[in-house]
Amino acid sequence: MIALLIRDLRLAMRAGGGFGLGLAFFLLVAVLVPLGVGPQSDTLAKIAPGILWVGALLACLLSLDRIFALDFEDGSLELLVTAPVPLEGVVAIKAMAHWLVTGLPLTLLAPVLGVLLNLAGPGYLWLVISLALGTPALSVIGAFGAALTVGLKRGGLLMSLLVLPLYVPTLIFGAEVVKRGAEGLALATPLALLAGITAGAAALLPFAAAFAIRINLR
């Protein structure tokens, strides 16, 4: 499993699997929004939590179709299905590799971009915490969507349509954590719900994704 994780990380770096692309997209969102909305600091501070979370969500979405695509194209996905390791574990490892390449860098970059959007001071810590809790769910849900569309030509658009509705709860509670943290309000409920979504996705979706892969490869 560790060897598979290292392999996927190397492929992501070499093949442009989302590291630079996701960060560049996230940066563009944070730069373009103030230009479109205007320099009013109060307005930017109000919309900053939602904009940062939407940017992170869309940046994660950019590279989802590559989670299984390269393995499917070179035939190694069929070998992984028949290998003496649980396919559910393979799915979890690939989702982890996607998070390490995309979600983790976005989490670390987010406070810097929060400055561009005039995010309130107390919100920076909760921005990092919410992204650290929520972006793994984005990767796991994305792996499930990629498994449903593996092998389809031009399946990226279909995968986006399938995945985006599943992303909505994570987006809502993630942005709510940052908003309440910035305003100094109680945030135990959205934080617990965000963590619950991630835990539930990590526990259930690898099995659903593995089942979808087996069906698509028949």
C-alpha atoms as a PDB file:
ATOM      1  CA  MET A   1       0.000   0.000   0.000  1.00  0.00           C
ATOM      2  CA  ILE A   2       2.849   2.384   0.808  1.00  0.00           C
ATOM      3  CA  ALA A   3       4.490   1.572  -2.520  1.00  0.00           C
ATOM      4  CA  LEU A   4       1.199   2.341  -4.293  1.00  0.00           C
ATOM      5  CA  LEU A   5       0.921   5.665  -2.464  1.00  0.00           C
ATOM      6  CA  ILE A   6       4.480   6.639  -3.442  1.00  0.00           C
ATOM      7  CA  ARG A   7       3.821   5.585  -7.038  1.00  0.00           C
ATOM      8  CA  ASP A   8       0.654   7.693  -7.263  1.00  0.00           C
ATOM      9  CA  LEU A   9       2.414  10.711  -5.771  1.00  0.00           C
ATOM     10  CA  ARG A  10       5.194  10.410  -8.348  1.00  0.00           C
ATOM     11  CA  LEU A  11       2.720  10.051 -11.201  1.00  0.00           C
ATOM     12  CA  ALA A  12       0.790  13.081  -9.985  1.00  0.00           C
ATOM     13  CA  MET A  13       3.921  15.196  -9.901  1.00  0.00           C
ATOM     14  CA  ARG A  14       5.238  14.026 -13.266  1.00  0.00           C
ATOM     15  CA  ALA A  15       1.968  14.013 -15.188  1.00  0.00           C
ATOM     16  CA  GLY A  16       0.624  17.290 -13.828  1.00  0.00           C
ATOM     17  CA  GLY A  17      -1.892  15.488 -11.680  1.00  0.00           C
ATOM     18  CA  GLY A  18      -3.196  18.596  -9.954  1.00  0.00           C
ATOM     19  CA  PHE A  19      -0.449  19.986  -7.702  1.00  0.00           C
ATOM     20  CA  GLY A  20       0.453  23.105  -9.690  1.00  0.00           C
ATOM     21  CA  LEU A  21      -2.869  23.288 -11.521  1.00  0.00           C
ATOM     22  CA  GLY A  22      -4.953  23.289  -8.355  1.00  0.00           C
ATOM     23  CA  LEU A  23      -2.803  25.864  -6.606  1.00  0.00           C
ATOM     24  CA  ALA A  24      -2.796  28.120  -9.677  1.00  0.00           C
ATOM     25  CA  PHE A  25      -6.587  27.937  -9.948  1.00  0.00           C
ATOM     26  CA  PHE A  26      -7.004  28.653  -6.232  1.00  0.00           C
ATOM     27  CA  LEU A  27      -4.702  31.668  -6.554  1.00  0.00           C
ATOM     28  CA  LEU A  28      -6.589  32.977  -9.585  1.00  0.00           C
ATOM     29  CA  VAL A  29      -9.907  32.782  -7.734  1.00  0.00           C
ATOM     30  CA  ALA A  30      -8.516  34.724  -4.780  1.00  0.00           C
ATOM     31  CA  VAL A  31      -7.015  37.365  -7.079  1.00  0.00           C
ATOM     32  CA  LEU A  32      -9.931  37.794  -9.486  1.00  0.00           C
ATOM     33  CA  VAL A  33     -12.731  38.010  -6.911  1.00  0.00           C
ATOM     34  CA  PRO A  34     -11.477  41.299  -5.363  1.00  0.00           C
ATOM     35  CA  LEU A  35     -11.087  42.706  -8.874  1.00  0.00           C
ATOM     36  CA  GLY A  36     -14.668  41.808  -9.742  1.00  0.00           C
ATOM     37  CA  VAL A  37     -16.333  42.662  -6.441  1.00  0.00           C
ATOM     38  CA  GLY A  38     -14.323  45.775  -5.697  1.00  0.00           C
ATOM     39  CA  PRO A  39     -11.855  46.838  -3.034  1.00  0.00           C
ATOM     40  CA  GLN A  40     -14.444  47.320  -0.270  1.00  0.00           C
ATOM     41  CA  SER A  41     -12.879  45.573   2.714  1.00  0.00           C
ATOM     42  CA  ASP A  42     -16.182  44.947   4.498  1.00  0.00           C
ATOM     43  CA  THR A  43     -17.707  43.228   1.470  1.00  0.00           C
ATOM     44  CA  LEU A  44     -14.629  41.068   0.914  1.00  0.00           C
ATOM     45  CA  ALA A  45     -14.533  40.057   4.574  1.00  0.00           C
ATOM     46  CA  LYS A  46     -18.158  38.891   4.413  1.00  0.00           C
ATOM     47  CA  ILE A  47     -17.723  36.743   1.310  1.00  0.00           C
ATOM     48  CA  ALA A  48     -14.184  35.514   2.042  1.00  0.00           C
ATOM     49  CA  PRO A  49     -15.163  32.222   3.778  1.00  0.00           C
ATOM     50  CA  GLY A  50     -17.457  31.169   0.942  1.00  0.00           C
ATOM     51  CA  ILE A  51     -15.087  32.255  -1.818  1.00  0.00           C
ATOM     52  CA  LEU A  52     -12.119  30.438  -0.295  1.00  0.00           C
ATOM     53  CA  TRP A  53     -14.108  27.258   0.133  1.00  0.00           C
ATOM     54  CA  VAL A  54     -15.570  27.417  -3.378  1.00  0.00           C
ATOM     55  CA  GLY A  55     -12.084  27.983  -4.779  1.00  0.00           C
ATOM     56  CA  ALA A  56     -10.692  25.014  -2.862  1.00  0.00           C
ATOM     57  CA  LEU A  57     -13.608  22.810  -3.953  1.00  0.00           C
ATOM     58  CA  LEU A  58     -13.212  23.657  -7.642  1.00  0.00           C
ATOM     59  CA  ALA A  59      -9.430  23.282  -7.435  1.00  0.00           C
ATOM     60  CA  CYS A  60      -9.892  19.757  -6.068  1.00  0.00           C
ATOM     61  CA  LEU A  61     -12.377  19.019  -8.839  1.00  0.00           C
ATOM     62  CA  LEU A  62      -9.870  19.800 -11.592  1.00  0.00           C
ATOM     63  CA  SER A  63      -7.757  16.678 -11.110  1.00  0.00           C
ATOM     64  CA  LEU A  64     -10.354  14.115 -10.051  1.00  0.00           C
ATOM     65  CA  ASP A  65     -10.612  12.438 -13.451  1.00  0.00           C
ATOM     66  CA  ARG A  66      -6.937  11.477 -13.236  1.00  0.00           C
ATOM     67  CA  ILE A  67      -7.327   9.377 -10.076  1.00  0.00           C
ATOM     68  CA  PHE A  68      -8.023   6.196 -12.060  1.00  0.00           C
ATOM     69  CA  ALA A  69      -7.601   7.369 -15.664  1.00  0.00           C
ATOM     70  CA  LEU A  70      -3.855   6.729 -15.971  1.00  0.00           C
ATOM     71  CA  ASP A  71      -4.161   3.268 -14.430  1.00  0.00           C
ATOM     72  CA  PHE A  72      -7.052   2.433 -16.735  1.00  0.00           C
ATOM     73  CA  GLU A  73      -5.179   3.577 -19.822  1.00  0.00           C
ATOM     74  CA  ASP A  74      -2.057   1.489 -19.178  1.00  0.00           C
ATOM     75  CA  GLY A  75      -3.962  -1.556 -17.910  1.00  0.00           C
ATOM     76  CA  SER A  76      -2.618  -1.438 -14.366  1.00  0.00           C
ATOM     77  CA  LEU A  77      -6.115  -0.886 -12.942  1.00  0.00           C
ATOM     78  CA  GLU A  78      -7.095  -4.410 -13.996  1.00  0.00           C
ATOM     79  CA  LEU A  79      -3.994  -5.730 -12.251  1.00  0.00           C
ATOM     80  CA  LEU A  80      -4.927  -3.838  -9.091  1.00  0.00           C
ATOM     81  CA  VAL A  81      -8.415  -5.352  -9.194  1.00  0.00           C
ATOM     82  CA  THR A  82      -6.980  -8.880  -9.334  1.00  0.00           C
ATOM     83  CA  ALA A  83      -4.114  -8.192  -6.918  1.00  0.00           C
ATOM     84  CA  PRO A  84      -4.133  -9.859  -3.473  1.00  0.00           C
ATOM     85  CA  VAL A  85      -4.897  -6.550  -1.788  1.00  0.00           C
ATOM     86  CA  PRO A  86      -8.382  -5.193  -1.045  1.00  0.00           C
ATOM     87  CA  LEU A  87      -9.598  -2.955  -3.846  1.00  0.00           C
ATOM     88  CA  GLU A  88     -11.238  -0.795  -1.195  1.00  0.00           C
ATOM     89  CA  GLY A  89      -7.786  -0.153   0.265  1.00  0.00           C
ATOM     90  CA  VAL A  90      -6.474   0.756  -3.196  1.00  0.00           C
ATOM     91  CA  VAL A  91      -9.274   3.304  -3.576  1.00  0.00           C
ATOM     92  CA  ALA A  92      -8.504   4.768  -0.143  1.00  0.00           C
ATOM     93  CA  ILE A  93      -4.804   5.051  -0.986  1.00  0.00           C
ATOM     94  CA  LYS A  94      -5.545   6.794  -4.276  1.00  0.00           C
ATOM     95  CA  ALA A  95      -7.880   9.217  -2.516  1.00  0.00           C
ATOM     96  CA  MET A  96      -5.136   9.888   0.042  1.00  0.00           C
ATOM     97  CA  ALA A  97      -2.623  10.532  -2.735  1.00  0.00           C
ATOM     98  CA  HIS A  98      -5.040  12.991  -4.347  1.00  0.00           C
ATOM     99  CA  TRP A  99      -5.466  14.797  -1.019  1.00  0.00           C
ATOM    100  CA  LEU A 100      -1.711  14.978  -0.410  1.00  0.00           C
ATOM    101  CA  VAL A 101      -1.153  16.447  -3.868  1.00  0.00           C
ATOM    102  CA  THR A 102      -4.177  18.758  -3.960  1.00  0.00           C
ATOM    103  CA  GLY A 103      -6.031  19.160  -0.661  1.00  0.00           C
ATOM    104  CA  LEU A 104      -3.051  19.564   1.638  1.00  0.00           C
ATOM    105  CA  PRO A 105      -1.311  22.259  -0.472  1.00  0.00           C
ATOM    106  CA  LEU A 106      -4.610  24.133  -0.758  1.00  0.00           C
ATOM    107  CA  THR A 107      -5.019  23.996   3.020  1.00  0.00           C
ATOM    108  CA  LEU A 108      -1.541  25.415   3.555  1.00  0.00           C
ATOM    109  CA  LEU A 109      -1.973  28.132   0.922  1.00  0.00           C
ATOM    110  CA  ALA A 110      -5.430  29.245   2.060  1.00  0.00           C
ATOM    111  CA  PRO A 111      -4.298  31.611   4.877  1.00  0.00           C
ATOM    112  CA  VAL A 112      -2.109  33.522   2.409  1.00  0.00           C
ATOM    113  CA  LEU A 113      -5.039  33.950   0.045  1.00  0.00           C
ATOM    114  CA  GLY A 114      -7.236  34.927   2.980  1.00  0.00           C
ATOM    115  CA  VAL A 115      -5.162  38.099   3.239  1.00  0.00           C
ATOM    116  CA  LEU A 116      -6.160  39.035  -0.326  1.00  0.00           C
ATOM    117  CA  LEU A 117      -9.829  38.667   0.629  1.00  0.00           C
ATOM    118  CA  ASN A 118      -9.467  40.578   3.905  1.00  0.00           C
ATOM    119  CA  LEU A 119     -10.516  37.612   6.027  1.00  0.00           C
ATOM    120  CA  ALA A 120     -10.974  38.583   9.688  1.00  0.00           C
ATOM    121  CA  GLY A 121      -8.069  37.665  11.959  1.00  0.00           C
ATOM    122  CA  PRO A 122      -9.796  34.969  14.072  1.00  0.00           C
ATOM    123  CA  GLY A 123     -10.939  33.217  10.904  1.00  0.00           C
ATOM    124  CA  TYR A 124      -7.487  32.130   9.685  1.00  0.00           C
ATOM    125  CA  LEU A 125      -7.097  29.316  12.196  1.00  0.00           C
ATOM    126  CA  TRP A 126     -10.583  28.002  11.506  1.00  0.00           C
ATOM    127  CA  LEU A 127      -9.999  28.278   7.771  1.00  0.00           C
ATOM    128  CA  VAL A 128      -7.052  25.901   8.056  1.00  0.00           C
ATOM    129  CA  ILE A 129      -8.924  23.578  10.443  1.00  0.00           C
ATOM    130  CA  SER A 130     -12.031  23.452   8.261  1.00  0.00           C
ATOM    131  CA  LEU A 131     -10.032  22.737   5.099  1.00  0.00           C
ATOM    132  CA  ALA A 132      -7.959  20.103   6.899  1.00  0.00           C
ATOM    133  CA  LEU A 133     -11.184  18.399   8.002  1.00  0.00           C
ATOM    134  CA  GLY A 134     -13.178  18.901   4.820  1.00  0.00           C
ATOM    135  CA  THR A 135     -10.781  18.441   1.901  1.00  0.00           C
ATOM    136  CA  PRO A 136     -10.241  14.710   2.624  1.00  0.00           C
ATOM    137  CA  ALA A 137     -13.985  14.273   2.076  1.00  0.00           C
ATOM    138  CA  LEU A 138     -13.646  16.063  -1.274  1.00  0.00           C
ATOM    139  CA  SER A 139     -10.931  13.620  -2.343  1.00  0.00           C
ATOM    140  CA  VAL A 140     -12.850  10.526  -1.216  1.00  0.00           C
ATOM    141  CA  ILE A 141     -16.095  11.675  -2.833  1.00  0.00           C
ATOM    142  CA  GLY A 142     -14.118  12.551  -5.945  1.00  0.00           C
ATOM    143  CA  ALA A 143     -12.565   9.071  -6.016  1.00  0.00           C
ATOM    144  CA  PHE A 144     -16.088   7.634  -5.935  1.00  0.00           C
ATOM    145  CA  GLY A 145     -17.111   9.846  -8.846  1.00  0.00           C
ATOM    146  CA  ALA A 146     -13.972   8.906 -10.778  1.00  0.00           C
ATOM    147  CA  ALA A 147     -14.736   5.219 -10.193  1.00  0.00           C
ATOM    148  CA  LEU A 148     -18.248   5.645 -11.594  1.00  0.00           C
ATOM    149  CA  THR A 149     -16.937   7.195 -14.825  1.00  0.00           C
ATOM    150  CA  VAL A 150     -13.702   5.241 -15.292  1.00  0.00           C
ATOM    151  CA  GLY A 151     -13.323   4.064 -18.860  1.00  0.00           C
ATOM    152  CA  LEU A 152     -15.816   6.554 -20.282  1.00  0.00           C
ATOM    153  CA  LYS A 153     -14.596   8.828 -23.029  1.00  0.00           C
ATOM    154  CA  ARG A 154     -14.902  12.454 -21.971  1.00  0.00           C
ATOM    155  CA  GLY A 155     -16.235  11.355 -18.622  1.00  0.00           C
ATOM    156  CA  GLY A 156     -14.875  14.427 -16.838  1.00  0.00           C
ATOM    157  CA  LEU A 157     -18.025  16.502 -17.361  1.00  0.00           C
ATOM    158  CA  LEU A 158     -20.286  13.654 -16.268  1.00  0.00           C
ATOM    159  CA  MET A 159     -18.127  13.087 -13.202  1.00  0.00           C
ATOM    160  CA  SER A 160     -18.388  16.779 -12.294  1.00  0.00           C
ATOM    161  CA  LEU A 161     -22.171  16.635 -12.535  1.00  0.00           C
ATOM    162  CA  LEU A 162     -22.219  13.573 -10.294  1.00  0.00           C
ATOM    163  CA  VAL A 163     -19.755  14.861  -7.724  1.00  0.00           C
ATOM    164  CA  LEU A 164     -20.764  18.498  -7.307  1.00  0.00           C
ATOM    165  CA  PRO A 165     -24.112  17.782  -5.562  1.00  0.00           C
ATOM    166  CA  LEU A 166     -22.274  15.500  -3.137  1.00  0.00           C
ATOM    167  CA  TYR A 167     -19.832  18.316  -2.396  1.00  0.00           C
ATOM    168  CA  VAL A 168     -22.552  20.738  -1.290  1.00  0.00           C
ATOM    169  CA  PRO A 169     -22.819  19.677   2.396  1.00  0.00           C
ATOM    170  CA  THR A 170     -19.045  19.866   2.831  1.00  0.00           C
ATOM    171  CA  LEU A 171     -19.028  23.313   1.224  1.00  0.00           C
ATOM    172  CA  ILE A 172     -21.858  24.598   3.407  1.00  0.00           C
ATOM    173  CA  PHE A 173     -20.467  23.426   6.728  1.00  0.00           C
ATOM    174  CA  GLY A 174     -16.858  24.263   5.830  1.00  0.00           C
ATOM    175  CA  ALA A 175     -17.715  27.847   4.945  1.00  0.00           C
ATOM    176  CA  GLU A 176     -19.931  28.103   8.032  1.00  0.00           C
ATOM    177  CA  VAL A 177     -17.046  27.068  10.288  1.00  0.00           C
ATOM    178  CA  VAL A 178     -14.846  29.825   8.853  1.00  0.00           C
ATOM    179  CA  LYS A 179     -17.636  32.402   9.009  1.00  0.00           C
ATOM    180  CA  ARG A 180     -18.503  31.674  12.629  1.00  0.00           C
ATOM    181  CA  GLY A 181     -14.848  31.475  13.599  1.00  0.00           C
ATOM    182  CA  ALA A 182     -14.190  34.887  12.059  1.00  0.00           C
ATOM    183  CA  GLU A 183     -17.157  36.376  13.915  1.00  0.00           C
ATOM    184  CA  GLY A 184     -16.332  34.698  17.221  1.00  0.00           C
ATOM    185  CA  LEU A 185     -19.557  32.666  17.309  1.00  0.00           C
ATOM    186  CA  ALA A 186     -20.092  29.098  18.504  1.00  0.00           C
ATOM    187  CA  LEU A 187     -19.019  26.653  15.826  1.00  0.00           C
ATOM    188  CA  ALA A 188     -19.172  23.239  17.487  1.00  0.00           C
ATOM    189  CA  THR A 189     -22.166  22.117  15.398  1.00  0.00           C
ATOM    190  CA  PRO A 190     -20.853  22.854  11.866  1.00  0.00           C
ATOM    191  CA  LEU A 191     -17.394  21.611  12.881  1.00  0.00           C
ATOM    192  CA  ALA A 192     -18.840  18.312  14.126  1.00  0.00           C
ATOM    193  CA  LEU A 193     -20.979  17.931  11.012  1.00  0.00           C
ATOM    194  CA  LEU A 194     -17.987  18.626   8.770  1.00  0.00           C
ATOM    195  CA  ALA A 195     -15.910  16.021  10.594  1.00  0.00           C
ATOM    196  CA  GLY A 196     -18.833  13.593  10.433  1.00  0.00           C
ATOM    197  CA  ILE A 197     -19.139  13.983   6.669  1.00  0.00           C
ATOM    198  CA  THR A 198     -15.443  13.257   6.223  1.00  0.00           C
ATOM    199  CA  ALA A 199     -15.556  10.250   8.540  1.00  0.00           C
ATOM    200  CA  GLY A 200     -18.652   8.867   6.851  1.00  0.00           C
ATOM    201  CA  ALA A 201     -17.226   9.343   3.364  1.00  0.00           C
ATOM    202  CA  ALA A 202     -13.937   7.701   4.325  1.00  0.00           C
ATOM    203  CA  ALA A 203     -15.754   4.747   5.885  1.00  0.00           C
ATOM    204  CA  LEU A 204     -18.327   4.046   3.167  1.00  0.00           C
ATOM    205  CA  LEU A 205     -17.311   5.427  -0.217  1.00  0.00           C
ATOM    206  CA  PRO A 206     -14.172   3.295  -0.803  1.00  0.00           C
ATOM    207  CA  PHE A 207     -16.454   0.233  -0.800  1.00  0.00           C
ATOM    208  CA  ALA A 208     -18.883   1.899  -3.205  1.00  0.00           C
ATOM    209  CA  ALA A 209     -16.024   3.011  -5.457  1.00  0.00           C
ATOM    210  CA  ALA A 210     -14.489  -0.470  -5.480  1.00  0.00           C
ATOM    211  CA  PHE A 211     -17.853  -1.942  -6.472  1.00  0.00           C
ATOM    212  CA  ALA A 212     -18.206   0.614  -9.281  1.00  0.00           C
ATOM    213  CA  ILE A 213     -14.733  -0.183 -10.607  1.00  0.00           C
ATOM    214  CA  ARG A 214     -15.469  -3.929 -10.691  1.00  0.00           C
ATOM    215  CA  ILE A 215     -18.689  -3.259 -12.594  1.00  0.00           C
ATOM    216  CA  ASN A 216     -17.001  -0.951 -15.137  1.00  0.00           C
ATOM    217  CA  LEU A 217     -14.175  -3.407 -15.828  1.00  0.00           C
ATOM    218  CA  ARG A 218     -16.447  -6.354 -16.578  1.00  0.00           C
END
